[in-house]
């Protein structure tokens, strides 16, 4: 991709236009290659290509490459992304939703859906405020703080899409409804991908946990604990782990407590990063 003309990349997938705009790249890129554009704008070419590929290909998520990125570069990208959310995408959804409700009357359940969106928006803004005001300054100062994952927000993003598609009722302006769905789906797609960068990469490399001092052996986990760790890192829930390994639910909980005690790592993203670096899972499995 570095030697591909950026115009060709945009023509293949116009959805990346808002993404490149965050870096200050506007249309009218001429015949310049991705590498030339990055050099002109002072952008790290490898990071730029990696994020673009992550967006255009759902199966692409090069954990090892991203783990080697400098945290400040990812912070800068996420800062630009958050500014896009607060200054453009969320206000655009508000305007579209307001217009839809004004022109659709009251014989529908749009007010309930709007209330759910407003609750989700406040949670998103709260998470952005935490990252911008507490976490990112801590990274710049070399401090480690507890950083929550985006699990709740990811679930709400999926829920709002499902509710709009499956549970919209009554009479409403179909054209404006389509406009609302389009901008909400665009935000959801964007946020879910960026939350992967936030949780599985930036959070994993800036919030390291220190293993217990008693854990001096190179592989502190038992064979069974490694099996549980591998499945946790692959996204299995406790019930699924119990069924796959043929053990009880409580035994899974015990193994997970032991893993946390030995490694000092609590989050699923952190366990995933540990499992990857130890070779218990592969980058392909994480995609």
C-alpha atoms as a PDB file:
ATOM      1  CA  UNK A   1       0.000   0.000   0.000  1.00  0.00           C
ATOM      2  CA  UNK A   2       2.751   2.629   0.663  1.00  0.00           C
ATOM      3  CA  UNK A   3       3.550   2.799  -3.057  1.00  0.00           C
ATOM      4  CA  UNK A   4      -0.110   2.778  -4.167  1.00  0.00           C
ATOM      5  CA  UNK A   5      -1.669   6.036  -5.281  1.00  0.00           C
ATOM      6  CA  UNK A   6      -3.918   7.267  -2.479  1.00  0.00           C
ATOM      7  CA  UNK A   7      -6.559   8.197  -5.060  1.00  0.00           C
ATOM      8  CA  UNK A   8      -6.838   4.505  -6.040  1.00  0.00           C
ATOM      9  CA  UNK A   9      -7.333   3.527  -2.392  1.00  0.00           C
ATOM     10  CA  UNK A  10     -10.086   6.132  -1.971  1.00  0.00           C
ATOM     11  CA  UNK A  11     -11.847   5.123  -5.187  1.00  0.00           C
ATOM     12  CA  UNK A  12     -11.923   1.487  -4.026  1.00  0.00           C
ATOM     13  CA  UNK A  13     -13.383   2.421  -0.637  1.00  0.00           C
ATOM     14  CA  UNK A  14     -14.761   5.972  -0.226  1.00  0.00           C
ATOM     15  CA  UNK A  15     -15.590   5.143   3.434  1.00  0.00           C
ATOM     16  CA  UNK A  16     -11.976   5.995   4.287  1.00  0.00           C
ATOM     17  CA  UNK A  17     -12.467   9.681   3.373  1.00  0.00           C
ATOM     18  CA  UNK A  18     -13.475  10.709   6.951  1.00  0.00           C
ATOM     19  CA  UNK A  19     -10.549   8.635   8.218  1.00  0.00           C
ATOM     20  CA  UNK A  20      -7.919  10.409   6.117  1.00  0.00           C
ATOM     21  CA  UNK A  21      -9.541  13.778   6.858  1.00  0.00           C
ATOM     22  CA  UNK A  22      -8.591  13.277  10.507  1.00  0.00           C
ATOM     23  CA  UNK A  23      -4.958  13.513   9.468  1.00  0.00           C
ATOM     24  CA  UNK A  24      -5.629  16.736   7.577  1.00  0.00           C
ATOM     25  CA  UNK A  25      -5.638  14.998   4.186  1.00  0.00           C
ATOM     26  CA  UNK A  26      -8.271  16.435   1.867  1.00  0.00           C
ATOM     27  CA  UNK A  27      -9.494  15.325  -1.533  1.00  0.00           C
ATOM     28  CA  UNK A  28      -7.432  16.453  -4.484  1.00  0.00           C
ATOM     29  CA  UNK A  29      -4.572  14.057  -3.690  1.00  0.00           C
ATOM     30  CA  UNK A  30      -3.495  13.873  -7.336  1.00  0.00           C
ATOM     31  CA  UNK A  31      -1.259  10.967  -8.300  1.00  0.00           C
ATOM     32  CA  UNK A  32       0.742  10.976  -5.066  1.00  0.00           C
ATOM     33  CA  UNK A  33       1.375   7.666  -3.378  1.00  0.00           C
ATOM     34  CA  UNK A  34       0.354   6.881   0.170  1.00  0.00           C
ATOM     35  CA  UNK A  35       3.990   7.188   1.273  1.00  0.00           C
ATOM     36  CA  UNK A  36       4.364  10.586  -0.426  1.00  0.00           C
ATOM     37  CA  UNK A  37       1.158  11.887   1.161  1.00  0.00           C
ATOM     38  CA  UNK A  38       2.281  10.677   4.593  1.00  0.00           C
ATOM     39  CA  UNK A  39       5.686  12.287   4.198  1.00  0.00           C
ATOM     40  CA  UNK A  40       4.075  15.572   3.173  1.00  0.00           C
ATOM     41  CA  UNK A  41       1.821  15.574   6.244  1.00  0.00           C
ATOM     42  CA  UNK A  42       4.391  14.229   8.707  1.00  0.00           C
ATOM     43  CA  UNK A  43       2.455  10.999   9.275  1.00  0.00           C
ATOM     44  CA  UNK A  44       4.002   7.636  10.158  1.00  0.00           C
ATOM     45  CA  UNK A  45       3.439   5.621   6.970  1.00  0.00           C
ATOM     46  CA  UNK A  46       3.321   2.215   8.655  1.00  0.00           C
ATOM     47  CA  UNK A  47       0.717   3.341  11.193  1.00  0.00           C
ATOM     48  CA  UNK A  48      -1.336   5.072   8.482  1.00  0.00           C
ATOM     49  CA  UNK A  49      -1.369   1.962   6.254  1.00  0.00           C
ATOM     50  CA  UNK A  50      -2.104  -0.334   9.167  1.00  0.00           C
ATOM     51  CA  UNK A  51      -5.120   1.681  10.311  1.00  0.00           C
ATOM     52  CA  UNK A  52      -6.440   2.054   6.756  1.00  0.00           C
ATOM     53  CA  UNK A  53      -6.153  -1.701   6.187  1.00  0.00           C
ATOM     54  CA  UNK A  54      -7.875  -2.332   9.516  1.00  0.00           C
ATOM     55  CA  UNK A  55     -10.832  -0.263   8.355  1.00  0.00           C
ATOM     56  CA  UNK A  56     -11.233  -1.644   4.852  1.00  0.00           C
ATOM     57  CA  UNK A  57     -10.708  -5.295   5.806  1.00  0.00           C
ATOM     58  CA  UNK A  58     -12.640  -6.741   8.760  1.00  0.00           C
ATOM     59  CA  UNK A  59     -10.253  -9.708   8.934  1.00  0.00           C
ATOM     60  CA  UNK A  60      -7.136  -7.523   9.162  1.00  0.00           C
ATOM     61  CA  UNK A  61      -5.812  -6.629  12.593  1.00  0.00           C
ATOM     62  CA  UNK A  62      -1.995  -6.965  12.793  1.00  0.00           C
ATOM     63  CA  UNK A  63      -1.494  -7.074  16.544  1.00  0.00           C
ATOM     64  CA  UNK A  64       2.285  -7.424  16.351  1.00  0.00           C
ATOM     65  CA  UNK A  65       2.709  -4.412  14.055  1.00  0.00           C
ATOM     66  CA  UNK A  66       0.472  -2.250  16.203  1.00  0.00           C
ATOM     67  CA  UNK A  67       2.141  -3.352  19.432  1.00  0.00           C
ATOM     68  CA  UNK A  68       5.387  -1.926  18.004  1.00  0.00           C
ATOM     69  CA  UNK A  69       3.854   1.517  17.398  1.00  0.00           C
ATOM     70  CA  UNK A  70       4.812   4.382  19.674  1.00  0.00           C
ATOM     71  CA  UNK A  71       1.959   5.106  22.112  1.00  0.00           C
ATOM     72  CA  UNK A  72       2.069   8.857  21.340  1.00  0.00           C
ATOM     73  CA  UNK A  73       1.307   8.101  17.682  1.00  0.00           C
ATOM     74  CA  UNK A  74      -1.768   6.081  18.627  1.00  0.00           C
ATOM     75  CA  UNK A  75      -2.784   8.771  21.135  1.00  0.00           C
ATOM     76  CA  UNK A  76      -2.554  11.405  18.412  1.00  0.00           C
ATOM     77  CA  UNK A  77      -4.684   9.308  16.069  1.00  0.00           C
ATOM     78  CA  UNK A  78      -7.317   8.566  18.736  1.00  0.00           C
ATOM     79  CA  UNK A  79      -7.383  12.252  19.733  1.00  0.00           C
ATOM     80  CA  UNK A  80      -8.183  13.203  16.134  1.00  0.00           C
ATOM     81  CA  UNK A  81     -10.790  10.444  16.061  1.00  0.00           C
ATOM     82  CA  UNK A  82     -12.458  11.674  19.259  1.00  0.00           C
ATOM     83  CA  UNK A  83     -12.558  15.195  17.857  1.00  0.00           C
ATOM     84  CA  UNK A  84     -14.324  13.803  14.800  1.00  0.00           C
ATOM     85  CA  UNK A  85     -16.900  12.114  17.033  1.00  0.00           C
ATOM     86  CA  UNK A  86     -17.609  15.159  19.193  1.00  0.00           C
ATOM     87  CA  UNK A  87     -17.430  17.865  16.513  1.00  0.00           C
ATOM     88  CA  UNK A  88     -18.993  16.075  13.571  1.00  0.00           C
ATOM     89  CA  UNK A  89     -20.441  12.568  13.844  1.00  0.00           C
ATOM     90  CA  UNK A  90     -22.453  12.843  17.072  1.00  0.00           C
ATOM     91  CA  UNK A  91     -23.841  16.324  16.247  1.00  0.00           C
ATOM     92  CA  UNK A  92     -24.778  15.066  12.769  1.00  0.00           C
ATOM     93  CA  UNK A  93     -26.760  12.196  14.287  1.00  0.00           C
ATOM     94  CA  UNK A  94     -28.488  14.652  16.666  1.00  0.00           C
ATOM     95  CA  UNK A  95     -29.545  16.886  13.773  1.00  0.00           C
ATOM     96  CA  UNK A  96     -30.822  13.976  11.683  1.00  0.00           C
ATOM     97  CA  UNK A  97     -32.682  12.444  14.631  1.00  0.00           C
ATOM     98  CA  UNK A  98     -34.303  15.776  15.555  1.00  0.00           C
ATOM     99  CA  UNK A  99     -35.490  16.309  11.997  1.00  0.00           C
ATOM    100  CA  UNK A 100     -36.810  12.739  11.789  1.00  0.00           C
ATOM    101  CA  UNK A 101     -38.861  13.158  14.964  1.00  0.00           C
ATOM    102  CA  UNK A 102     -40.184  16.568  13.933  1.00  0.00           C
ATOM    103  CA  UNK A 103     -41.483  15.225  10.619  1.00  0.00           C
ATOM    104  CA  UNK A 104     -42.764  11.860  11.826  1.00  0.00           C
ATOM    105  CA  UNK A 105     -45.387  12.791  14.412  1.00  0.00           C
ATOM    106  CA  UNK A 106     -45.958  10.894  17.658  1.00  0.00           C
ATOM    107  CA  UNK A 107     -47.486   7.592  16.494  1.00  0.00           C
ATOM    108  CA  UNK A 108     -44.193   5.725  16.645  1.00  0.00           C
ATOM    109  CA  UNK A 109     -41.531   4.707  19.140  1.00  0.00           C
ATOM    110  CA  UNK A 110     -38.853   7.120  17.926  1.00  0.00           C
ATOM    111  CA  UNK A 111     -38.801   8.919  21.294  1.00  0.00           C
ATOM    112  CA  UNK A 112     -37.741   5.688  23.032  1.00  0.00           C
ATOM    113  CA  UNK A 113     -35.026   5.048  20.470  1.00  0.00           C
ATOM    114  CA  UNK A 114     -33.810   8.619  20.782  1.00  0.00           C
ATOM    115  CA  UNK A 115     -33.644   8.266  24.548  1.00  0.00           C
ATOM    116  CA  UNK A 116     -31.520   5.134  24.178  1.00  0.00           C
ATOM    117  CA  UNK A 117     -29.215   6.920  21.738  1.00  0.00           C
ATOM    118  CA  UNK A 118     -28.859   9.873  24.127  1.00  0.00           C
ATOM    119  CA  UNK A 119     -27.851   7.521  26.945  1.00  0.00           C
ATOM    120  CA  UNK A 120     -25.308   5.870  24.676  1.00  0.00           C
ATOM    121  CA  UNK A 121     -23.983   9.257  23.559  1.00  0.00           C
ATOM    122  CA  UNK A 122     -23.422  10.354  27.166  1.00  0.00           C
ATOM    123  CA  UNK A 123     -21.493   7.170  27.858  1.00  0.00           C
ATOM    124  CA  UNK A 124     -19.368   7.727  24.750  1.00  0.00           C
ATOM    125  CA  UNK A 125     -18.663  11.332  25.743  1.00  0.00           C
ATOM    126  CA  UNK A 126     -17.778  10.217  29.263  1.00  0.00           C
ATOM    127  CA  UNK A 127     -15.312   7.676  27.940  1.00  0.00           C
ATOM    128  CA  UNK A 128     -13.797  10.258  25.592  1.00  0.00           C
ATOM    129  CA  UNK A 129     -13.445  12.732  28.476  1.00  0.00           C
ATOM    130  CA  UNK A 130     -11.700  10.097  30.613  1.00  0.00           C
ATOM    131  CA  UNK A 131      -9.254   9.211  27.846  1.00  0.00           C
ATOM    132  CA  UNK A 132      -8.490  12.814  26.908  1.00  0.00           C
ATOM    133  CA  UNK A 133      -8.317  14.277  30.419  1.00  0.00           C
ATOM    134  CA  UNK A 134      -6.817  11.422  32.424  1.00  0.00           C
ATOM    135  CA  UNK A 135      -5.422   8.558  30.369  1.00  0.00           C
ATOM    136  CA  UNK A 136      -3.652  10.383  27.523  1.00  0.00           C
ATOM    137  CA  UNK A 137      -1.904  12.853  29.892  1.00  0.00           C
ATOM    138  CA  UNK A 138      -0.815   9.863  32.006  1.00  0.00           C
ATOM    139  CA  UNK A 139       0.714   8.234  28.926  1.00  0.00           C
ATOM    140  CA  UNK A 140       2.589  11.443  28.111  1.00  0.00           C
ATOM    141  CA  UNK A 141       3.937  11.558  31.676  1.00  0.00           C
ATOM    142  CA  UNK A 142       4.833   7.871  31.768  1.00  0.00           C
ATOM    143  CA  UNK A 143       2.299   7.095  34.498  1.00  0.00           C
ATOM    144  CA  UNK A 144       0.187   3.938  34.637  1.00  0.00           C
ATOM    145  CA  UNK A 145      -3.481   4.220  35.607  1.00  0.00           C
ATOM    146  CA  UNK A 146      -6.453   1.866  35.574  1.00  0.00           C
ATOM    147  CA  UNK A 147      -8.243   2.199  32.239  1.00  0.00           C
ATOM    148  CA  UNK A 148     -11.710   0.698  31.660  1.00  0.00           C
ATOM    149  CA  UNK A 149     -12.386  -1.291  28.512  1.00  0.00           C
ATOM    150  CA  UNK A 150     -15.015  -0.339  25.936  1.00  0.00           C
ATOM    151  CA  UNK A 151     -17.171  -3.432  26.445  1.00  0.00           C
ATOM    152  CA  UNK A 152     -20.339  -1.592  27.534  1.00  0.00           C
ATOM    153  CA  UNK A 153     -20.087   0.917  24.712  1.00  0.00           C
ATOM    154  CA  UNK A 154     -19.495  -1.828  22.137  1.00  0.00           C
ATOM    155  CA  UNK A 155     -22.602  -3.637  23.353  1.00  0.00           C
ATOM    156  CA  UNK A 156     -24.703  -0.466  23.151  1.00  0.00           C
ATOM    157  CA  UNK A 157     -23.432   0.258  19.637  1.00  0.00           C
ATOM    158  CA  UNK A 158     -24.609  -3.174  18.556  1.00  0.00           C
ATOM    159  CA  UNK A 159     -27.920  -2.730  20.396  1.00  0.00           C
ATOM    160  CA  UNK A 160     -28.814   0.596  18.753  1.00  0.00           C
ATOM    161  CA  UNK A 161     -28.302  -0.908  15.294  1.00  0.00           C
ATOM    162  CA  UNK A 162     -30.434  -3.922  16.174  1.00  0.00           C
ATOM    163  CA  UNK A 163     -33.210  -1.778  17.650  1.00  0.00           C
ATOM    164  CA  UNK A 164     -33.401   0.482  14.600  1.00  0.00           C
ATOM    165  CA  UNK A 165     -33.575  -2.468  12.216  1.00  0.00           C
ATOM    166  CA  UNK A 166     -35.777  -4.868  14.205  1.00  0.00           C
ATOM    167  CA  UNK A 167     -37.843  -2.838  16.665  1.00  0.00           C
ATOM    168  CA  UNK A 168     -38.767   0.423  14.944  1.00  0.00           C
ATOM    169  CA  UNK A 169     -42.576   0.817  15.068  1.00  0.00           C
ATOM    170  CA  UNK A 170     -45.276   3.180  13.826  1.00  0.00           C
ATOM    171  CA  UNK A 171     -45.342   5.824  11.121  1.00  0.00           C
ATOM    172  CA  UNK A 172     -42.214   7.792  10.294  1.00  0.00           C
ATOM    173  CA  UNK A 173     -40.499   9.598   7.427  1.00  0.00           C
ATOM    174  CA  UNK A 174     -38.707   6.762   5.621  1.00  0.00           C
ATOM    175  CA  UNK A 175     -36.128   8.974   3.888  1.00  0.00           C
ATOM    176  CA  UNK A 176     -35.098  10.719   7.089  1.00  0.00           C
ATOM    177  CA  UNK A 177     -35.098   7.391   8.914  1.00  0.00           C
ATOM    178  CA  UNK A 178     -32.673   6.030   6.332  1.00  0.00           C
ATOM    179  CA  UNK A 179     -30.467   9.081   6.873  1.00  0.00           C
ATOM    180  CA  UNK A 180     -30.426   8.460  10.649  1.00  0.00           C
ATOM    181  CA  UNK A 181     -29.635   4.778  10.193  1.00  0.00           C
ATOM    182  CA  UNK A 182     -26.830   5.601   7.743  1.00  0.00           C
ATOM    183  CA  UNK A 183     -25.037   8.025  10.081  1.00  0.00           C
ATOM    184  CA  UNK A 184     -25.523   5.798  13.128  1.00  0.00           C
ATOM    185  CA  UNK A 185     -24.228   2.722  11.309  1.00  0.00           C
ATOM    186  CA  UNK A 186     -21.240   4.742  10.123  1.00  0.00           C
ATOM    187  CA  UNK A 187     -20.457   5.795  13.705  1.00  0.00           C
ATOM    188  CA  UNK A 188     -20.870   2.233  14.972  1.00  0.00           C
ATOM    189  CA  UNK A 189     -18.513   0.816  12.340  1.00  0.00           C
ATOM    190  CA  UNK A 190     -15.948   3.508  13.082  1.00  0.00           C
ATOM    191  CA  UNK A 191     -16.126   3.182  16.869  1.00  0.00           C
ATOM    192  CA  UNK A 192     -16.030  -0.605  16.978  1.00  0.00           C
ATOM    193  CA  UNK A 193     -12.832  -0.628  14.919  1.00  0.00           C
ATOM    194  CA  UNK A 194     -11.227   2.170  16.918  1.00  0.00           C
ATOM    195  CA  UNK A 195     -12.191   0.500  20.185  1.00  0.00           C
ATOM    196  CA  UNK A 196     -10.115  -2.485  19.067  1.00  0.00           C
ATOM    197  CA  UNK A 197      -7.132  -0.157  18.665  1.00  0.00           C
ATOM    198  CA  UNK A 198      -7.857   1.466  22.019  1.00  0.00           C
ATOM    199  CA  UNK A 199      -8.441  -1.695  24.058  1.00  0.00           C
ATOM    200  CA  UNK A 200      -6.303  -4.362  22.446  1.00  0.00           C
ATOM    201  CA  UNK A 201      -3.309  -2.210  21.545  1.00  0.00           C
ATOM    202  CA  UNK A 202      -2.945   1.147  23.310  1.00  0.00           C
ATOM    203  CA  UNK A 203      -4.408  -0.129  26.569  1.00  0.00           C
ATOM    204  CA  UNK A 204      -2.287  -3.280  26.450  1.00  0.00           C
ATOM    205  CA  UNK A 205       0.999  -1.441  25.868  1.00  0.00           C
ATOM    206  CA  UNK A 206       0.453   1.503  28.235  1.00  0.00           C
ATOM    207  CA  UNK A 207      -1.247  -0.212  31.171  1.00  0.00           C
ATOM    208  CA  UNK A 208       1.086  -3.160  31.825  1.00  0.00           C
ATOM    209  CA  UNK A 209       0.472  -5.217  34.926  1.00  0.00           C
ATOM    210  CA  UNK A 210       3.359  -6.485  36.995  1.00  0.00           C
ATOM    211  CA  UNK A 211       3.415 -10.233  37.674  1.00  0.00           C
ATOM    212  CA  UNK A 212       3.665 -11.401  41.266  1.00  0.00           C
ATOM    213  CA  UNK A 213       7.187 -11.520  42.688  1.00  0.00           C
ATOM    214  CA  UNK A 214       6.664 -15.187  43.625  1.00  0.00           C
ATOM    215  CA  UNK A 215       6.293 -16.010  39.956  1.00  0.00           C
ATOM    216  CA  UNK A 216       9.934 -16.469  39.000  1.00  0.00           C
ATOM    217  CA  UNK A 217       9.557 -19.349  36.567  1.00  0.00           C
ATOM    218  CA  UNK A 218       9.469 -18.602  32.828  1.00  0.00           C
ATOM    219  CA  UNK A 219       6.022 -20.196  32.428  1.00  0.00           C
ATOM    220  CA  UNK A 220       4.140 -19.695  35.710  1.00  0.00           C
ATOM    221  CA  UNK A 221       0.917 -21.260  34.409  1.00  0.00           C
ATOM    222  CA  UNK A 222      -0.054 -24.906  34.493  1.00  0.00           C
ATOM    223  CA  UNK A 223      -1.012 -26.732  31.306  1.00  0.00           C
ATOM    224  CA  UNK A 224      -4.719 -26.443  32.143  1.00  0.00           C
ATOM    225  CA  UNK A 225      -4.382 -22.743  32.981  1.00  0.00           C
ATOM    226  CA  UNK A 226      -2.738 -22.174  29.605  1.00  0.00           C
ATOM    227  CA  UNK A 227      -5.710 -23.871  27.931  1.00  0.00           C
ATOM    228  CA  UNK A 228      -8.105 -21.594  29.801  1.00  0.00           C
ATOM    229  CA  UNK A 229      -5.964 -18.527  29.038  1.00  0.00           C
ATOM    230  CA  UNK A 230      -5.938 -19.376  25.335  1.00  0.00           C
ATOM    231  CA  UNK A 231      -9.732 -19.614  25.194  1.00  0.00           C
ATOM    232  CA  UNK A 232     -10.191 -16.416  27.213  1.00  0.00           C
ATOM    233  CA  UNK A 233      -7.865 -14.598  24.810  1.00  0.00           C
ATOM    234  CA  UNK A 234      -9.901 -15.914  21.882  1.00  0.00           C
ATOM    235  CA  UNK A 235     -13.042 -14.348  23.319  1.00  0.00           C
ATOM    236  CA  UNK A 236     -14.762 -17.396  24.814  1.00  0.00           C
ATOM    237  CA  UNK A 237     -17.020 -16.791  27.805  1.00  0.00           C
ATOM    238  CA  UNK A 238     -16.747 -18.931  30.937  1.00  0.00           C
ATOM    239  CA  UNK A 239     -19.672 -21.168  30.005  1.00  0.00           C
ATOM    240  CA  UNK A 240     -18.135 -21.897  26.596  1.00  0.00           C
ATOM    241  CA  UNK A 241     -14.731 -22.612  28.136  1.00  0.00           C
ATOM    242  CA  UNK A 242     -16.280 -25.094  30.560  1.00  0.00           C
ATOM    243  CA  UNK A 243     -18.062 -26.915  27.739  1.00  0.00           C
ATOM    244  CA  UNK A 244     -15.012 -26.998  25.461  1.00  0.00           C
ATOM    245  CA  UNK A 245     -12.646 -28.294  28.139  1.00  0.00           C
ATOM    246  CA  UNK A 246     -15.185 -30.583  29.797  1.00  0.00           C
ATOM    247  CA  UNK A 247     -14.848 -28.955  33.213  1.00  0.00           C
ATOM    248  CA  UNK A 248     -17.325 -27.224  35.511  1.00  0.00           C
ATOM    249  CA  UNK A 249     -18.168 -23.531  35.402  1.00  0.00           C
ATOM    250  CA  UNK A 250     -16.751 -23.042  38.920  1.00  0.00           C
ATOM    251  CA  UNK A 251     -13.507 -24.741  37.890  1.00  0.00           C
ATOM    252  CA  UNK A 252     -13.155 -22.236  35.066  1.00  0.00           C
ATOM    253  CA  UNK A 253     -13.606 -19.386  37.560  1.00  0.00           C
ATOM    254  CA  UNK A 254     -10.945 -20.913  39.794  1.00  0.00           C
ATOM    255  CA  UNK A 255      -8.499 -21.203  36.907  1.00  0.00           C
ATOM    256  CA  UNK A 256      -9.147 -17.595  35.898  1.00  0.00           C
ATOM    257  CA  UNK A 257      -8.517 -16.371  39.447  1.00  0.00           C
ATOM    258  CA  UNK A 258      -5.258 -18.330  39.500  1.00  0.00           C
ATOM    259  CA  UNK A 259      -4.203 -16.902  36.136  1.00  0.00           C
ATOM    260  CA  UNK A 260      -4.847 -13.357  37.356  1.00  0.00           C
ATOM    261  CA  UNK A 261      -2.997 -14.018  40.609  1.00  0.00           C
ATOM    262  CA  UNK A 262       0.047 -15.415  38.787  1.00  0.00           C
ATOM    263  CA  UNK A 263       0.242 -12.889  35.958  1.00  0.00           C
ATOM    264  CA  UNK A 264      -1.215  -9.800  37.597  1.00  0.00           C
ATOM    265  CA  UNK A 265      -3.273  -9.234  34.435  1.00  0.00           C
ATOM    266  CA  UNK A 266      -7.038  -8.797  34.744  1.00  0.00           C
ATOM    267  CA  UNK A 267      -8.388  -7.568  31.404  1.00  0.00           C
ATOM    268  CA  UNK A 268      -9.223  -9.774  28.440  1.00  0.00           C
ATOM    269  CA  UNK A 269      -7.181  -7.496  26.174  1.00  0.00           C
ATOM    270  CA  UNK A 270      -4.164  -7.801  28.468  1.00  0.00           C
ATOM    271  CA  UNK A 271      -4.511 -11.577  28.632  1.00  0.00           C
ATOM    272  CA  UNK A 272      -4.789 -11.625  24.845  1.00  0.00           C
ATOM    273  CA  UNK A 273      -1.572  -9.649  24.493  1.00  0.00           C
ATOM    274  CA  UNK A 274       0.198 -11.972  26.965  1.00  0.00           C
ATOM    275  CA  UNK A 275      -1.058 -15.104  25.174  1.00  0.00           C
ATOM    276  CA  UNK A 276       0.075 -13.717  21.831  1.00  0.00           C
ATOM    277  CA  UNK A 277       3.581 -12.814  22.999  1.00  0.00           C
ATOM    278  CA  UNK A 278       3.983 -16.267  24.566  1.00  0.00           C
ATOM    279  CA  UNK A 279       2.830 -18.015  21.397  1.00  0.00           C
ATOM    280  CA  UNK A 280      -0.286 -19.573  22.984  1.00  0.00           C
ATOM    281  CA  UNK A 281      -2.398 -18.035  20.209  1.00  0.00           C
ATOM    282  CA  UNK A 282      -1.576 -16.605  16.799  1.00  0.00           C
ATOM    283  CA  UNK A 283      -2.289 -13.244  15.260  1.00  0.00           C
ATOM    284  CA  UNK A 284      -4.508 -15.000  12.709  1.00  0.00           C
ATOM    285  CA  UNK A 285      -6.694 -16.408  15.480  1.00  0.00           C
ATOM    286  CA  UNK A 286      -7.197 -12.914  16.915  1.00  0.00           C
ATOM    287  CA  UNK A 287      -8.458 -11.485  13.614  1.00  0.00           C
END
